[in-house]
C-alpha cells in the first residue's frame, strides 16, 4: 500500500508499507511527487520493489510454522523437561526449512494445529488444520507433506512443488499357499466347462514343446474339455453297443497250432480272471476296465474285432496324454512355491474386499478428499469400498494394522517405502502400480511477499539434488533403525523350485482315507438296505 502526504501546494511525500523484523507493518518514505504542469516524480527507493531482492534476507525475523508430526517429512519431538511445545526432530521438510532459514536469515518456531489435521475448507466456511492456521494468519507458513487441492488453493497460496510423489497400496506380504491338497490342483473348474485345459508351462511344455501360433503369438496347446471327458467316460456303454450290433468274429478261420495255443492261453487267462464262466461282457465290465486304463492300471481285456482294438488303442493314447499332463502339472505345483494374488492396483480392491480385506487411509488428509470428492470413475468406486472406521490418525497406525489383520492401506509411495523398511520390509507388499501423482508444497498466506524468493530457493534445492539427498538420508535412518531391514525380500525372490516332501503329498493320504470312508458308508448302506428289503418282503 502507498500513502501520499501533501507537504505544499504542489509537493506530495510518498510512503509505502514495509514489514519490519518484528513482523509489524510500518510506512517508509519511498519518494516525492511534484504536481503542477510537469508532474515530476522522484523516488529514493523503488515504489514497487523486487520481492526476490527484498527478501534476500529476513534480517533475523522469526516466522511461525504450522506443522504436524509427520515423519519422514516433518518429525517433531516434545521439549525437554515437560515444557509445552514441540521442536523439529528429523525429516525432509525440516531439512528444507532449515536450509531456507540459513540462507535467508530467519528463525522459526513450530506450532501444531489445534485439531491435528492437515486441513481443508469445509462447506460451512470453516478452515481446519494447518491450512486454517495459515489462512487465519496464525502462522506465516505450513510445511509437512502438504498437497494442493482445489479448496485449499481458494484460501491460501502454494509454493512451487519441491517433491513429486504418487499414491500406492500397501498390504501384507502375500502368504505361501497351502499345498496340502495339491493332488487336486490339476482339476480346476475348467474341466467342468467348455474352457480348454492347457498344460502348465513349467511342466509339460518342458518335455513336449508346443508350436507358436503366428497370429495370436500364444502357445498353441492341445485342448481338452468336458465334452471329450464325457465322451470317453461313455466308452463302456458304447463298446457294449458295438459288441451287440456287430456280427460275431469269424470262428471258422483256420489257425496254426502255435497260434491256437497262444489264443487258448489268453482266453483261459481272461476267462479265469474276469469272465468266470460268462461268455458275454456287460456295460459294467467294459466301464470298469476303461476306468482301470484311466488310472494307469493293468487291463487284461483281449478284444479280437478290429473296431474294438481301434477303440482301445485310442483310449490308451488318451489316458497316456492325460496322465502325462496331470503328472507334469502336479510336479510343477509341488516343486514351485505358489503365493496369494497380490493387490497391485485400484482395480484389484473389489476382489480383495470380497476376500475379507478392509481398506483404509489416514483420515482428514488430501488422500481422503481425492476419493470423497470424486463424482465418477474408479475413485468413486473406491470410495464406496472405504469405511471410516478403518481410517487411522497416523501412518504408523496403518502399518501396524497391516501386520495385525487383513488390511489394505492407501498411502504415498515414499512414506510407504520408508515405513516398510523401518518396520521390516519383508512383512509388507507395496503395489507395483501407483496412481494420482501429486506434488508437495509450502503453504503460505494469500499474497505472501516472500513466496517468489521461496520458489527461487526451492528450485535451486531441487535442481542441485539436495532434496533427493535428504530423502536418501531418511531412508538410511529408517534402515539402520530396523533390525529386519537387512533381510529385505521380494515376492519373486523365493520362487525357486524346492524338494518335494511328505508335506506336499498329504493329499494322497486324504484320498485314501476318503476312499475308505466311502467304502464303509457304501457297505453300511448296502447292509442296511438288504436288511430292510428282507424285512419288507
Protein backbone atom coordinates (compact mmCIF):
# COMPACT_ATOMS: atom_id res chain seq x y z
CA UNK A 1 0.00 0.00 0.00
CA UNK A 2 1.26 3.52 -0.84
CA UNK A 3 0.39 6.69 1.12
CA UNK A 4 0.77 10.25 -0.24
CA UNK A 5 1.16 13.15 2.28
CA UNK A 6 0.91 16.71 0.99
CA UNK A 7 3.83 18.91 2.00
CA UNK A 8 2.92 22.01 -0.07
CA UNK A 9 0.53 23.05 -2.81
CA UNK A 10 2.47 21.08 -5.39
CA UNK A 11 4.63 18.55 -3.42
CA UNK A 12 3.46 15.20 -2.08
CA UNK A 13 5.52 12.88 0.12
CA UNK A 14 5.16 9.21 -0.93
CA UNK A 15 5.29 6.41 1.67
CA UNK A 16 4.95 2.63 1.16
CA UNK A 17 4.24 -0.14 3.63
CA UNK A 18 7.12 -2.25 4.89
CA UNK A 19 7.29 -5.13 7.36
CA UNK A 20 9.98 -4.73 9.99
CA UNK A 21 11.92 -7.52 11.72
CA UNK A 22 9.24 -7.80 14.41
CA UNK A 23 6.56 -8.51 11.84
CA UNK A 24 4.94 -5.10 12.23
CA UNK A 25 3.66 -3.14 9.25
CA UNK A 26 5.21 0.33 9.01
CA UNK A 27 5.39 3.13 6.44
CA UNK A 28 8.73 4.11 4.93
CA UNK A 29 9.50 7.04 2.67
CA UNK A 30 9.99 5.96 -0.91
CA UNK A 31 9.96 9.28 -2.85
CA UNK A 32 8.37 12.63 -3.71
CA UNK A 33 5.75 13.71 -6.24
CA UNK A 34 5.74 17.29 -7.58
CA UNK A 35 2.48 18.31 -9.17
CA UNK A 36 1.71 21.18 -11.49
CA UNK A 37 2.22 21.12 -15.21
CA UNK A 38 5.37 18.97 -15.13
CA UNK A 39 4.24 16.12 -12.85
CA UNK A 40 7.74 15.20 -11.71
CA UNK A 41 8.32 12.00 -9.68
CA UNK A 42 11.37 11.42 -7.55
CA UNK A 43 11.87 8.03 -5.81
CA UNK A 44 14.55 7.33 -3.24
CA UNK A 45 13.63 3.62 -3.37
CA UNK A 46 11.55 1.53 -5.73
CA UNK A 47 7.85 2.14 -5.41
CA UNK A 48 7.12 -1.50 -6.26
CA UNK A 49 10.27 -3.25 -5.02
CA UNK A 50 11.63 -6.50 -6.47
CA UNK A 51 10.46 -9.04 -3.89
CA UNK A 52 13.19 -11.54 -4.73
CA UNK A 53 15.86 -8.93 -3.94
CA UNK A 54 13.98 -7.53 -0.99
CA UNK A 55 13.66 -10.93 0.70
CA UNK A 56 17.23 -11.97 0.18
CA UNK A 57 17.43 -11.52 3.91
CA UNK A 58 14.69 -11.55 6.52
CA UNK A 59 17.01 -9.66 8.88
CA UNK A 60 16.63 -12.25 11.61
CA UNK A 61 12.84 -12.26 11.70
CA UNK A 62 11.06 -15.16 13.39
CA UNK A 63 8.47 -16.98 11.31
CA UNK A 64 5.69 -19.11 12.72
CA UNK A 65 5.50 -22.50 11.02
CA UNK A 66 2.47 -24.79 11.36
CA UNK A 67 3.31 -28.49 11.06
CA UNK A 68 2.09 -31.91 12.12
CA UNK A 69 4.29 -34.69 13.41
CA UNK A 70 4.72 -36.50 10.11
CA UNK A 71 8.00 -38.36 9.71
CA UNK A 72 9.73 -38.82 7.24
CA UNK A 73 8.82 -35.26 6.22
CA UNK A 74 8.45 -33.34 9.48
CA UNK A 75 9.21 -35.27 12.64
CA UNK A 76 8.54 -33.47 15.91
CA UNK A 77 9.58 -34.15 19.48
CA UNK A 78 8.44 -32.58 22.73
CA UNK A 79 10.55 -30.03 24.54
CA UNK A 80 12.73 -31.46 27.32
CA UNK A 81 11.64 -31.10 30.91
CA UNK A 82 7.94 -31.32 30.12
CA UNK A 83 7.76 -27.81 28.70
CA UNK A 84 4.88 -27.08 26.36
CA UNK A 85 5.65 -27.02 22.67
CA UNK A 86 7.49 -29.04 20.05
CA UNK A 87 10.86 -28.81 18.35
CA UNK A 88 11.84 -30.20 14.94
CA UNK A 89 13.48 -33.59 15.05
CA UNK A 90 14.19 -35.08 11.62
CA UNK A 91 12.63 -35.13 8.18
CA UNK A 92 12.91 -33.94 4.59
CA UNK A 93 10.75 -30.85 5.15
CA UNK A 94 12.80 -29.94 8.23
CA UNK A 95 15.94 -30.02 6.09
CA UNK A 96 14.19 -27.72 3.58
CA UNK A 97 13.01 -25.16 6.13
CA UNK A 98 16.42 -25.22 7.84
CA UNK A 99 18.13 -24.50 4.52
CA UNK A 100 15.72 -21.64 3.82
CA UNK A 101 16.28 -20.21 7.30
CA UNK A 102 20.06 -20.41 6.92
CA UNK A 103 20.29 -18.73 3.52
CA UNK A 104 17.52 -16.18 4.02
CA UNK A 105 18.48 -15.24 7.59
CA UNK A 106 15.38 -16.04 9.61
CA UNK A 107 14.45 -18.26 12.50
CA UNK A 108 11.21 -20.13 13.02
CA UNK A 109 9.01 -21.57 15.72
CA UNK A 110 6.84 -24.63 15.18
CA UNK A 111 3.26 -24.96 16.33
CA UNK A 112 0.87 -27.83 15.82
CA UNK A 113 -2.66 -27.08 14.61
CA UNK A 114 -5.16 -27.42 17.42
CA UNK A 115 -7.11 -30.18 15.63
CA UNK A 116 -4.02 -32.03 14.40
CA UNK A 117 -5.28 -32.08 10.81
CA UNK A 118 -3.72 -31.09 7.51
CA UNK A 119 -6.81 -29.01 6.86
CA UNK A 120 -9.39 -28.07 4.29
CA UNK A 121 -12.15 -25.56 3.57
CA UNK A 122 -15.39 -27.01 4.91
CA UNK A 123 -18.83 -26.38 3.46
CA UNK A 124 -19.75 -24.09 6.39
CA UNK A 125 -16.75 -21.84 5.64
CA UNK A 126 -14.55 -23.12 8.44
CA UNK A 127 -10.91 -23.76 7.57
CA UNK A 128 -9.28 -26.53 9.56
CA UNK A 129 -5.79 -27.81 10.33
CA UNK A 130 -2.53 -26.35 9.10
CA UNK A 131 -4.35 -24.74 6.18
CA UNK A 132 -6.57 -22.90 8.66
CA UNK A 133 -3.56 -21.68 10.66
CA UNK A 134 -2.06 -20.11 7.53
CA UNK A 135 -5.34 -18.73 6.16
CA UNK A 136 -6.18 -17.13 9.52
CA UNK A 137 -2.64 -15.67 9.82
CA UNK A 138 -1.92 -17.67 12.95
CA UNK A 139 1.17 -18.96 11.10
CA UNK A 140 3.21 -17.49 8.30
CA UNK A 141 3.54 -20.79 6.51
CA UNK A 142 2.89 -24.52 6.83
CA UNK A 143 5.09 -27.35 5.67
CA UNK A 144 4.56 -31.06 6.30
CA UNK A 145 3.90 -33.03 3.10
CA UNK A 146 1.14 -30.64 2.02
CA UNK A 147 -0.54 -31.15 -1.35
CA UNK A 148 -2.57 -28.74 -3.44
CA UNK A 149 -6.34 -29.20 -3.66
CA UNK A 150 -8.99 -27.05 -5.25
CA UNK A 151 -10.49 -25.92 -1.94
CA UNK A 152 -7.15 -25.25 -0.29
CA UNK A 153 -5.96 -23.14 -3.20
CA UNK A 154 -9.02 -20.92 -2.85
CA UNK A 155 -7.93 -19.64 0.60
CA UNK A 156 -4.10 -19.73 0.57
CA UNK A 157 -1.14 -19.62 -1.81
CA UNK A 158 1.20 -22.51 -2.53
CA UNK A 159 4.85 -22.57 -3.45
CA UNK A 160 6.21 -24.46 -6.43
CA UNK A 161 6.19 -28.26 -5.82
CA UNK A 162 9.52 -29.46 -4.46
CA UNK A 163 8.77 -33.20 -4.43
CA UNK A 164 6.63 -35.31 -6.77
CA UNK A 165 5.07 -38.42 -5.27
CA UNK A 166 2.29 -40.88 -6.12
CA UNK A 167 -0.16 -42.93 -4.11
CA UNK A 168 0.17 -46.66 -3.70
CA UNK A 169 -1.43 -49.62 -1.91
CA UNK A 170 0.31 -51.38 0.96
CA UNK A 171 -0.69 -54.81 2.21
CA UNK A 172 0.88 -57.73 3.99
CA UNK A 173 3.33 -59.85 2.07
CA UNK A 174 1.35 -62.47 0.09
CA UNK A 175 1.32 -65.70 2.05
CA UNK A 176 2.50 -69.04 0.69
CA UNK A 177 -0.49 -71.04 -0.44
CA UNK A 178 -1.01 -74.41 1.20
CA UNK A 179 -0.10 -77.39 -0.96
CA UNK A 180 -1.84 -79.89 1.27
CA UNK A 181 -4.45 -80.57 -1.41
CA UNK A 182 -2.02 -80.19 -4.30
CA UNK A 183 -3.07 -83.54 -5.75
CA UNK A 184 -6.40 -81.95 -6.68
CA UNK A 185 -4.87 -78.79 -8.14
CA UNK A 186 -4.78 -80.03 -11.79
CA UNK A 187 -8.57 -80.50 -11.60
CA UNK A 188 -9.91 -76.97 -11.81
CA UNK A 189 -13.34 -75.64 -12.62
CA UNK A 190 -12.31 -75.53 -16.28
CA UNK A 191 -12.72 -79.28 -16.59
CA UNK A 192 -16.44 -78.90 -15.89
CA UNK A 193 -16.91 -76.27 -18.59
CA UNK A 194 -16.11 -75.87 -22.25
CA UNK A 195 -13.00 -73.83 -21.47
CA UNK A 196 -9.83 -75.53 -22.69
CA UNK A 197 -7.38 -77.05 -20.23
CA UNK A 198 -3.82 -76.17 -21.12
CA UNK A 199 -0.62 -77.73 -19.85
CA UNK A 200 1.35 -75.90 -17.20
CA UNK A 201 4.22 -74.03 -18.91
CA UNK A 202 6.57 -75.08 -16.12
CA UNK A 203 5.94 -78.77 -16.59
CA UNK A 204 4.56 -80.45 -19.68
CA UNK A 205 5.81 -77.87 -22.17
CA UNK A 206 9.35 -78.52 -20.99
CA UNK A 207 9.02 -82.11 -22.17
CA UNK A 208 6.89 -81.58 -25.28
CA UNK A 209 7.41 -78.01 -26.61
CA UNK A 210 4.36 -76.70 -28.42
CA UNK A 211 4.45 -74.67 -31.66
CA UNK A 212 3.55 -71.00 -31.56
CA UNK A 213 0.58 -69.62 -33.42
CA UNK A 214 1.88 -66.88 -35.71
CA UNK A 215 -1.33 -64.90 -35.45
CA UNK A 216 -2.05 -65.00 -31.72
CA UNK A 217 1.57 -65.24 -30.52
CA UNK A 218 0.39 -67.63 -27.82
CA UNK A 219 1.27 -71.30 -27.27
CA UNK A 220 -0.94 -73.48 -29.44
CA UNK A 221 -1.73 -76.14 -26.82
CA UNK A 222 -3.88 -79.16 -27.42
CA UNK A 223 -7.29 -78.54 -25.90
CA UNK A 224 -9.20 -80.94 -23.71
CA UNK A 225 -12.52 -80.02 -22.19
CA UNK A 226 -15.57 -81.57 -20.61
CA UNK A 227 -17.05 -82.78 -23.89
CA UNK A 228 -14.04 -85.01 -24.50
CA UNK A 229 -14.16 -86.44 -20.98
CA UNK A 230 -17.87 -87.16 -21.13
CA UNK A 231 -17.37 -88.88 -24.47
CA UNK A 232 -14.62 -91.14 -23.21
CA UNK A 233 -16.39 -91.89 -19.95
CA UNK A 234 -19.20 -93.21 -22.12
CA UNK A 235 -16.90 -95.71 -23.80
CA UNK A 236 -18.19 -98.55 -21.66
CA UNK A 237 -21.80 -98.37 -22.90
CA UNK A 238 -20.54 -97.52 -26.39
CA UNK A 239 -18.33 -100.63 -26.53
CA UNK A 240 -21.17 -102.79 -25.26
CA UNK A 241 -23.34 -101.36 -28.04
CA UNK A 242 -20.68 -102.25 -30.63
CA UNK A 243 -20.46 -105.83 -29.42
CA UNK A 244 -24.27 -106.10 -29.60
CA UNK A 245 -24.62 -104.63 -33.12
CA UNK A 246 -21.53 -106.12 -34.74
CA UNK A 247 -21.51 -109.71 -36.04
CA UNK A 248 -19.58 -112.27 -34.05
CA UNK A 249 -15.98 -112.84 -35.09
CA UNK A 250 -15.20 -115.49 -37.69
CA UNK A 251 -14.54 -118.68 -35.75
CA UNK A 252 -14.06 -120.83 -38.83
CA UNK A 253 -10.77 -119.21 -39.92
CA UNK A 254 -8.03 -121.84 -39.87
CA UNK A 255 -5.22 -121.14 -37.43
CA UNK A 256 -1.85 -122.70 -36.84
CA UNK A 257 -1.21 -124.93 -33.88
CA UNK A 258 1.12 -122.32 -32.26
CA UNK A 259 -1.44 -119.52 -32.71
CA UNK A 260 -4.10 -121.78 -31.34
CA UNK A 261 -2.11 -122.50 -28.19
CA UNK A 262 -1.45 -118.74 -27.61
CA UNK A 263 -5.09 -117.83 -28.17
CA UNK A 264 -6.20 -120.66 -25.94
CA UNK A 265 -3.94 -119.48 -23.14
CA UNK A 266 -5.16 -115.87 -23.44
CA UNK A 267 -8.77 -116.98 -23.41
CA UNK A 268 -8.07 -119.05 -20.33
CA UNK A 269 -6.47 -116.10 -18.51
CA UNK A 270 -9.31 -113.75 -19.38
CA UNK A 271 -11.88 -116.42 -18.59
CA UNK A 272 -10.42 -117.25 -15.18
CA UNK A 273 -9.68 -113.64 -14.22
CA UNK A 274 -12.73 -111.71 -15.38
CA UNK A 275 -15.48 -113.69 -17.00
CA UNK A 276 -15.65 -116.66 -14.64
CA UNK A 277 -17.96 -118.68 -16.77
CA UNK A 278 -19.75 -115.83 -18.50
CA UNK A 279 -19.13 -115.51 -22.23
CA UNK A 280 -20.81 -112.08 -22.55
CA UNK A 281 -19.21 -108.89 -21.20
CA UNK A 282 -21.66 -106.27 -19.97
CA UNK A 283 -21.61 -102.47 -19.69
CA UNK A 284 -20.29 -102.53 -16.11
CA UNK A 285 -17.34 -104.71 -17.08
CA UNK A 286 -16.32 -102.54 -20.04
CA UNK A 287 -16.72 -99.37 -17.95
CA UNK A 288 -14.63 -100.87 -15.16
CA UNK A 289 -11.75 -101.72 -17.47
CA UNK A 290 -11.83 -98.35 -19.18
CA UNK A 291 -11.56 -96.78 -15.76
CA UNK A 292 -8.59 -99.03 -14.94
CA UNK A 293 -6.82 -97.68 -18.01
CA UNK A 294 -7.58 -94.12 -16.98
CA UNK A 295 -5.85 -94.58 -13.60
CA UNK A 296 -2.93 -96.36 -15.30
CA UNK A 297 -3.58 -99.88 -14.07
CA UNK A 298 -3.28 -103.12 -16.00
CA UNK A 299 -6.03 -104.20 -18.35
CA UNK A 300 -6.32 -107.84 -19.49
CA UNK A 301 -9.25 -107.42 -21.86
CA UNK A 302 -8.44 -109.06 -25.19
CA UNK A 303 -10.62 -107.57 -27.93
CA UNK A 304 -10.39 -109.56 -31.18
CA UNK A 305 -12.56 -107.40 -33.51
CA UNK A 306 -10.60 -104.63 -35.24
CA UNK A 307 -13.11 -101.91 -34.32
CA UNK A 308 -12.70 -102.70 -30.62
CA UNK A 309 -8.94 -102.73 -30.96
CA UNK A 310 -9.02 -99.32 -32.63
CA UNK A 311 -11.23 -98.02 -29.83
CA UNK A 312 -8.93 -99.44 -27.15
CA UNK A 313 -5.77 -98.02 -28.75
CA UNK A 314 -7.36 -94.57 -28.98
CA UNK A 315 -8.38 -94.78 -25.35
CA UNK A 316 -4.90 -95.87 -24.24
CA UNK A 317 -3.31 -92.89 -26.05
CA UNK A 318 -5.80 -90.54 -24.46
CA UNK A 319 -5.07 -91.94 -20.99
CA UNK A 320 -1.34 -91.56 -21.54
CA UNK A 321 -1.77 -87.95 -22.62
CA UNK A 322 -3.98 -87.06 -19.65
CA UNK A 323 -1.65 -88.87 -17.24
CA UNK A 324 1.38 -87.01 -18.61
CA UNK A 325 -0.44 -83.70 -18.30
CA UNK A 326 -1.53 -84.44 -14.76
CA UNK A 327 1.91 -85.62 -13.65
CA UNK A 328 3.69 -82.61 -15.14
CA UNK A 329 1.22 -80.09 -13.73
CA UNK A 330 1.26 -81.70 -10.30
CA UNK A 331 5.06 -81.74 -10.25
CA UNK A 332 5.16 -78.03 -11.06
CA UNK A 333 2.59 -77.23 -8.35
CA UNK A 334 4.50 -79.21 -5.74
CA UNK A 335 8.00 -78.05 -6.61
CA UNK A 336 7.39 -74.33 -7.31
CA UNK A 337 6.01 -72.27 -4.39
CA UNK A 338 2.72 -70.50 -5.05
CA UNK A 339 1.67 -67.30 -3.31
CA UNK A 340 -1.56 -65.41 -2.76
CA UNK A 341 -2.51 -62.99 -5.52
CA UNK A 342 -1.13 -59.56 -4.53
CA UNK A 343 -3.14 -56.34 -4.73
CA UNK A 344 -1.37 -54.29 -7.40
CA UNK A 345 -3.91 -51.66 -8.46
CA UNK A 346 -7.19 -49.99 -7.55
CA UNK A 347 -9.00 -52.42 -9.85
CA UNK A 348 -7.91 -55.28 -7.54
CA UNK A 349 -9.61 -53.75 -4.50
CA UNK A 350 -13.15 -55.18 -5.03
CA UNK A 351 -11.77 -58.72 -5.19
CA UNK A 352 -9.62 -58.09 -2.10
CA UNK A 353 -12.61 -56.72 -0.14
CA UNK A 354 -14.61 -59.80 -1.17
CA UNK A 355 -11.82 -61.92 0.36
CA UNK A 356 -12.16 -60.16 3.72
CA UNK A 357 -9.71 -57.26 3.41
CA UNK A 358 -10.63 -53.83 4.77
CA UNK A 359 -9.32 -50.66 3.11
CA UNK A 360 -8.21 -47.55 4.96
CA UNK A 361 -6.09 -44.40 4.89
CA UNK A 362 -5.03 -41.51 7.12
CA UNK A 363 -8.16 -39.54 7.95
CA UNK A 364 -8.69 -35.86 7.11
CA UNK A 365 -5.90 -35.71 4.54
CA UNK A 366 -5.90 -34.82 0.85
CA UNK A 367 -5.94 -38.56 0.08
CA UNK A 368 -9.36 -38.83 1.71
CA UNK A 369 -10.71 -35.87 -0.26
CA UNK A 370 -9.43 -37.32 -3.54
CA UNK A 371 -11.84 -40.22 -3.20
CA UNK A 372 -14.55 -38.40 -1.28
CA UNK A 373 -14.99 -35.65 -3.87
CA UNK A 374 -14.82 -37.96 -6.91
CA UNK A 375 -18.04 -37.79 -8.93
CA UNK A 376 -17.38 -40.75 -11.22
CA UNK A 377 -14.79 -43.27 -12.27
CA UNK A 378 -12.63 -45.66 -10.28
CA UNK A 379 -12.03 -43.18 -7.44
CA UNK A 380 -15.76 -43.01 -6.75
CA UNK A 381 -15.95 -46.81 -6.77
CA UNK A 382 -13.04 -47.00 -4.31
CA UNK A 383 -14.79 -44.51 -2.01
CA UNK A 384 -17.76 -46.88 -1.82
CA UNK A 385 -15.39 -49.60 -0.57
CA UNK A 386 -13.90 -47.39 2.14
CA UNK A 387 -15.19 -47.48 5.70
CA UNK A 388 -14.44 -44.51 8.00
CA UNK A 389 -13.94 -46.89 10.92
CA UNK A 390 -10.87 -48.25 9.13
CA UNK A 391 -9.25 -44.80 8.82
CA UNK A 392 -6.27 -44.11 11.07
CA UNK A 393 -4.85 -40.95 12.62
CA UNK A 394 -1.17 -41.64 11.95
CA UNK A 395 0.83 -43.52 9.34
CA UNK A 396 2.42 -45.96 11.77
CA UNK A 397 -1.05 -46.99 12.97
CA UNK A 398 -1.90 -48.01 9.42
CA UNK A 399 1.23 -50.15 9.09
CA UNK A 400 0.54 -51.77 12.46
CA UNK A 401 -2.96 -52.72 11.27
CA UNK A 402 -1.48 -54.36 8.18
CA UNK A 403 0.51 -56.76 10.36
CA UNK A 404 -2.42 -57.46 12.69
CA UNK A 405 -5.30 -58.05 10.28
CA UNK A 406 -6.28 -58.26 6.62
CA UNK A 407 -5.87 -54.58 5.92
CA UNK A 408 -5.06 -52.56 2.77
CA UNK A 409 -3.56 -49.15 3.36
CA UNK A 410 -3.59 -46.28 0.84
CA UNK A 411 -0.56 -44.06 1.31
CA UNK A 412 2.06 -42.09 -0.58
CA UNK A 413 4.78 -44.13 -2.24
CA UNK A 414 7.67 -42.59 -0.32
CA UNK A 415 6.01 -42.86 3.07
CA UNK A 416 5.13 -46.47 2.30
CA UNK A 417 8.68 -47.38 1.38
CA UNK A 418 10.24 -45.69 4.42
CA UNK A 419 7.77 -47.09 6.95
CA UNK A 420 8.00 -50.56 5.41
CA UNK A 421 11.79 -50.50 5.72
CA UNK A 422 11.58 -49.23 9.29
CA UNK A 423 9.13 -51.91 10.39
CA UNK A 424 10.61 -54.79 8.37
CA UNK A 425 10.41 -54.65 4.59
CA UNK A 426 9.77 -58.38 4.21
CA UNK A 427 6.46 -58.02 6.09
CA UNK A 428 4.85 -55.65 3.57
CA UNK A 429 3.94 -55.68 -0.10
CA UNK A 430 3.81 -52.36 -1.98
CA UNK A 431 1.77 -52.43 -5.16
CA UNK A 432 3.60 -52.29 -8.47
CA UNK A 433 1.18 -49.74 -9.94
CA UNK A 434 0.91 -46.23 -8.50
CA UNK A 435 -1.77 -43.62 -9.11
CA UNK A 436 -2.60 -39.95 -8.65
CA UNK A 437 0.80 -38.19 -8.89
CA UNK A 438 0.92 -35.12 -6.67
CA UNK A 439 3.44 -32.50 -5.57
CA UNK A 440 4.31 -31.37 -2.04
CA UNK A 441 4.42 -27.61 -1.47
CA UNK A 442 4.85 -24.95 1.20
CA UNK A 443 1.54 -23.31 2.15
CA UNK A 444 1.68 -19.51 2.62
CA UNK A 445 -0.99 -16.95 3.40
CA UNK A 446 -2.58 -15.25 0.40
CA UNK A 447 -0.33 -12.61 -1.11
CA UNK A 448 2.73 -13.64 0.92
CA UNK A 449 5.51 -11.30 -0.35
CA UNK A 450 8.28 -13.79 0.35
CA UNK A 451 6.75 -16.52 -1.82
CA UNK A 452 8.75 -15.64 -5.00
CA UNK A 453 12.02 -15.91 -3.06
CA UNK A 454 10.92 -19.22 -1.55
CA UNK A 455 10.15 -20.55 -5.04
CA UNK A 456 13.58 -19.50 -6.28
CA UNK A 457 15.33 -21.25 -3.39
CA UNK A 458 13.21 -24.42 -3.73
CA UNK A 459 14.08 -24.71 -7.41
CA UNK A 460 17.77 -24.42 -6.56
CA UNK A 461 17.49 -27.18 -3.97
CA UNK A 462 15.60 -29.38 -6.38
CA UNK A 463 17.97 -28.91 -9.32
CA UNK A 464 21.06 -29.42 -7.15
CA UNK A 465 19.77 -32.79 -5.89
CA UNK A 466 19.62 -31.73 -2.25
CA UNK A 467 16.04 -32.92 -1.74
CA UNK A 468 16.86 -36.35 -3.18
CA UNK A 469 19.91 -36.46 -0.91
CA UNK A 470 17.79 -35.68 2.14
CA UNK A 471 15.36 -38.39 1.11
CA UNK A 472 18.23 -40.91 0.99
CA UNK A 473 19.31 -39.81 4.47
CA UNK A 474 15.85 -40.56 5.87
CA UNK A 475 15.79 -43.91 4.08
CA UNK A 476 19.17 -44.78 5.58
CA UNK A 477 17.98 -43.72 9.02
CA UNK A 478 14.93 -45.96 8.66
CA UNK A 479 17.11 -48.89 7.58
CA UNK A 480 19.51 -48.52 10.47
CA UNK A 481 16.66 -48.33 12.98
CA UNK A 482 15.11 -51.59 11.76
CA UNK A 483 16.64 -54.90 12.77
CA UNK A 484 14.83 -56.60 9.89
CA UNK A 485 15.96 -54.24 7.16
CA UNK A 486 18.94 -56.39 6.22
CA UNK A 487 16.67 -59.28 5.29
CA UNK A 488 14.56 -57.49 2.69
CA UNK A 489 12.85 -59.99 0.43
CA UNK A 490 10.62 -59.58 -2.56
CA UNK A 491 7.65 -61.53 -3.74
CA UNK A 492 9.53 -63.10 -6.61
CA UNK A 493 12.79 -63.73 -4.78
CA UNK A 494 11.73 -67.03 -3.21
CA UNK A 495 10.01 -68.65 -6.19
CA UNK A 496 12.69 -71.25 -6.71
CA UNK A 497 11.90 -74.95 -7.11
CA UNK A 498 12.35 -76.95 -3.94
CA UNK A 499 12.43 -80.62 -2.97
CA UNK A 500 9.08 -82.40 -2.66
CA UNK A 501 8.47 -83.67 0.88
CA UNK A 502 5.80 -85.72 2.61
CA UNK A 503 4.03 -82.49 3.49
CA UNK A 504 3.35 -81.94 -0.19
CA UNK A 505 1.92 -85.43 -0.59
CA UNK A 506 -0.69 -85.24 2.18
CA UNK A 507 -3.46 -85.15 -0.39
CA UNK A 508 -2.69 -88.77 -1.36
CA UNK A 509 -3.47 -89.88 2.18
CA UNK A 510 -6.62 -87.77 2.19
CA UNK A 511 -7.74 -89.54 -0.97
CA UNK A 512 -7.01 -92.91 0.65
CA UNK A 513 -8.97 -92.02 3.78
CA UNK A 514 -11.79 -90.65 1.63
CA UNK A 515 -11.89 -93.91 -0.30
CA UNK A 516 -12.05 -95.95 2.91
CA UNK A 517 -14.84 -93.77 4.27
CA UNK A 518 -16.80 -94.04 1.04
CA UNK A 519 -16.37 -97.82 1.07
CA UNK A 520 -17.50 -98.11 4.69
CA UNK A 521 -20.52 -95.90 4.09
CA UNK A 522 -21.44 -97.92 1.00
CA UNK A 523 -21.06 -101.19 2.92
CA UNK A 524 -23.19 -99.99 5.80
CA UNK A 525 -25.77 -98.62 3.39
CA UNK A 526 -25.91 -101.87 1.43
CA UNK A 527 -26.24 -103.98 4.59
CA UNK A 528 -28.99 -101.69 5.87
CA UNK A 529 -30.80 -101.77 2.52
CA UNK A 530 -30.59 -105.56 2.34
CA UNK A 531 -31.91 -105.95 5.88
CA UNK A 532 -34.73 -103.52 5.20
CA UNK A 533 -35.63 -105.26 1.94
CA UNK A 534 -35.82 -108.64 3.61
CA UNK A 535 -37.99 -107.29 6.40
CA UNK A 536 -40.38 -105.65 3.91
CA UNK A 537 -40.70 -108.59 1.53
